[in-house]
C-alpha atoms as a PDB file:
ATOM      1  CA  MET A   1       5.962  -8.851  18.188  1.00  0.00           C
ATOM      2  CA  ALA A   2       4.291  -8.032  15.180  1.00  0.00           C
ATOM      3  CA  TYR A   3       4.837 -10.681  12.246  1.00  0.00           C
ATOM      4  CA  ASP A   4       8.002 -11.829  14.056  1.00  0.00           C
ATOM      5  CA  PHE A   5       9.237  -8.180  13.899  1.00  0.00           C
ATOM      6  CA  PRO A   6      10.270  -7.045  17.376  1.00  0.00           C
ATOM      7  CA  ILE A   7       8.762  -3.607  18.174  1.00  0.00           C
ATOM      8  CA  LYS A   8       8.756  -1.517  21.086  1.00  0.00           C
ATOM      9  CA  ARG A   9       6.749   1.754  21.980  1.00  0.00           C
ATOM     10  CA  LEU A  10       8.987   4.583  22.181  1.00  0.00           C
ATOM     11  CA  LEU A  11       8.263   7.853  24.100  1.00  0.00           C
ATOM     12  CA  PHE A  12       8.338  10.207  21.220  1.00  0.00           C
ATOM     13  CA  THR A  13       5.729  12.759  20.009  1.00  0.00           C
ATOM     14  CA  GLU A  14       6.825  12.706  16.311  1.00  0.00           C
ATOM     15  CA  VAL A  15       6.880   9.796  13.872  1.00  0.00           C
ATOM     16  CA  LEU A  16       9.749   7.493  14.032  1.00  0.00           C
ATOM     17  CA  THR A  17      10.333   4.743  11.433  1.00  0.00           C
ATOM     18  CA  LEU A  18      12.644   1.800  11.528  1.00  0.00           C
ATOM     19  CA  HIS A  19      13.552   0.060   8.585  1.00  0.00           C
ATOM     20  CA  LEU A  20      16.081  -3.064   8.000  1.00  0.00           C
ATOM     21  CA  LYS A  21      18.756  -2.114   5.896  1.00  0.00           C
ATOM     22  CA  HIS A  22      19.297  -4.380   2.949  1.00  0.00           C
ATOM     23  CA  LYS A  23      20.687  -4.457  -0.696  1.00  0.00           C
ATOM     24  CA  GLU A  24      18.240  -2.842  -3.138  1.00  0.00           C
ATOM     25  CA  LYS A  25      16.686  -5.339  -5.260  1.00  0.00           C
ATOM     26  CA  PHE A  26      14.132  -3.507  -7.685  1.00  0.00           C
ATOM     27  CA  ALA A  27      13.090  -4.959 -10.718  1.00  0.00           C
ATOM     28  CA  LYS A  28      10.511  -2.608 -12.848  1.00  0.00           C
ATOM     29  CA  ASP A  29       8.675  -5.748 -14.160  1.00  0.00           C
ATOM     30  CA  LEU A  30       8.122  -7.262 -10.651  1.00  0.00           C
ATOM     31  CA  TRP A  31       6.992  -3.693  -9.371  1.00  0.00           C
ATOM     32  CA  LEU A  32       4.383  -3.537 -12.048  1.00  0.00           C
ATOM     33  CA  ASN A  33       3.337  -7.135 -11.615  1.00  0.00           C
ATOM     34  CA  ASN A  34       2.860  -6.513  -7.948  1.00  0.00           C
ATOM     35  CA  GLY A  35       1.091  -3.362  -8.567  1.00  0.00           C
ATOM     36  CA  ASN A  36      -1.415  -5.151 -10.599  1.00  0.00           C
ATOM     37  CA  GLN A  37      -2.037  -7.846  -8.146  1.00  0.00           C
ATOM     38  CA  PHE A  38      -2.640  -4.990  -5.691  1.00  0.00           C
ATOM     39  CA  ILE A  39      -5.260  -3.592  -7.838  1.00  0.00           C
ATOM     40  CA  VAL A  40      -7.039  -7.027  -8.291  1.00  0.00           C
ATOM     41  CA  LEU A  41      -6.876  -7.522  -4.433  1.00  0.00           C
ATOM     42  CA  ASN A  42      -8.629  -4.237  -3.778  1.00  0.00           C
ATOM     43  CA  GLN A  43     -11.096  -4.918  -6.090  1.00  0.00           C
ATOM     44  CA  LYS A  44     -11.960  -8.251  -4.208  1.00  0.00           C
ATOM     45  CA  VAL A  45     -11.791  -6.639  -0.860  1.00  0.00           C
ATOM     46  CA  LEU A  46     -14.237  -3.821  -2.162  1.00  0.00           C
ATOM     47  CA  GLU A  47     -16.633  -6.687  -3.278  1.00  0.00           C
ATOM     48  CA  ASN A  48     -16.865  -7.938   0.329  1.00  0.00           C
ATOM     49  CA  PRO A  49     -19.992  -6.629   1.965  1.00  0.00           C
ATOM     50  CA  LYS A  50     -17.917  -6.266   5.162  1.00  0.00           C
ATOM     51  CA  CYS A  51     -15.529  -3.886   3.567  1.00  0.00           C
ATOM     52  CA  VAL A  52     -15.269  -0.718   5.864  1.00  0.00           C
ATOM     53  CA  ALA A  53     -13.134   1.337   3.361  1.00  0.00           C
ATOM     54  CA  LYS A  54     -15.208   1.411   0.396  1.00  0.00           C
ATOM     55  CA  ARG A  55     -14.585   5.181  -0.192  1.00  0.00           C
ATOM     56  CA  PHE A  56     -10.757   4.788  -0.057  1.00  0.00           C
ATOM     57  CA  LEU A  57     -10.838   1.535  -2.154  1.00  0.00           C
ATOM     58  CA  SER A  58     -12.902   2.996  -4.678  1.00  0.00           C
ATOM     59  CA  LYS A  59     -10.668   5.918  -5.158  1.00  0.00           C
ATOM     60  CA  LEU A  60      -7.632   3.578  -5.389  1.00  0.00           C
ATOM     61  CA  ILE A  61      -9.548   1.427  -8.072  1.00  0.00           C
ATOM     62  CA  LYS A  62     -10.402   4.443 -10.224  1.00  0.00           C
ATOM     63  CA  VAL A  63      -6.672   4.464 -10.969  1.00  0.00           C
ATOM     64  CA  LYS A  64      -7.101   1.365 -13.037  1.00  0.00           C
ATOM     65  CA  ASN A  65      -3.793   0.838 -15.215  1.00  0.00           C
ATOM     66  CA  SER A  66      -1.104  -0.979 -13.957  1.00  0.00           C
ATOM     67  CA  ASP A  67       1.419   1.233 -15.638  1.00  0.00           C
ATOM     68  CA  LYS A  68       3.968   3.172 -13.597  1.00  0.00           C
ATOM     69  CA  ASP A  69       2.206   6.532 -13.567  1.00  0.00           C
ATOM     70  CA  SER A  70      -0.950   5.025 -12.554  1.00  0.00           C
ATOM     71  CA  LEU A  71       0.668   3.083  -9.539  1.00  0.00           C
ATOM     72  CA  ASN A  72       2.511   6.263  -8.529  1.00  0.00           C
ATOM     73  CA  SER A  73      -0.989   8.093  -8.436  1.00  0.00           C
ATOM     74  CA  MET A  74      -2.114   5.095  -6.152  1.00  0.00           C
ATOM     75  CA  LEU A  75       0.943   5.660  -3.967  1.00  0.00           C
ATOM     76  CA  ARG A  76       0.236   9.370  -3.609  1.00  0.00           C
ATOM     77  CA  ILE A  77      -3.479   8.460  -2.572  1.00  0.00           C
ATOM     78  CA  ILE A  78      -2.221   5.928  -0.046  1.00  0.00           C
ATOM     79  CA  TYR A  79       0.435   8.295   1.461  1.00  0.00           C
ATOM     80  CA  LYS A  80      -1.965  11.102   1.875  1.00  0.00           C
ATOM     81  CA  GLY A  81      -4.136   8.690   3.895  1.00  0.00           C
ATOM     82  CA  PRO A  82      -7.760   7.811   3.899  1.00  0.00           C
ATOM     83  CA  PRO A  83     -10.349  10.514   3.311  1.00  0.00           C
END
């Protein structure tokens, strides 16, 4: 169990993703607010001397604005993966 979500190791070589189906509840204002909070959190983590992802987080923080285009740029960096 990981965070109360049951998981099981499956014998596949390709990536398999499971997602709980639910009604879409998207609100642009909430998304932008969460994105702004994510930026603030990254800044706090980066300031921690024990941070081991400084290069990656620095890349994210360079995309500072909390507008839609900036958050989508951050998503592209995250999806691409760590350097």
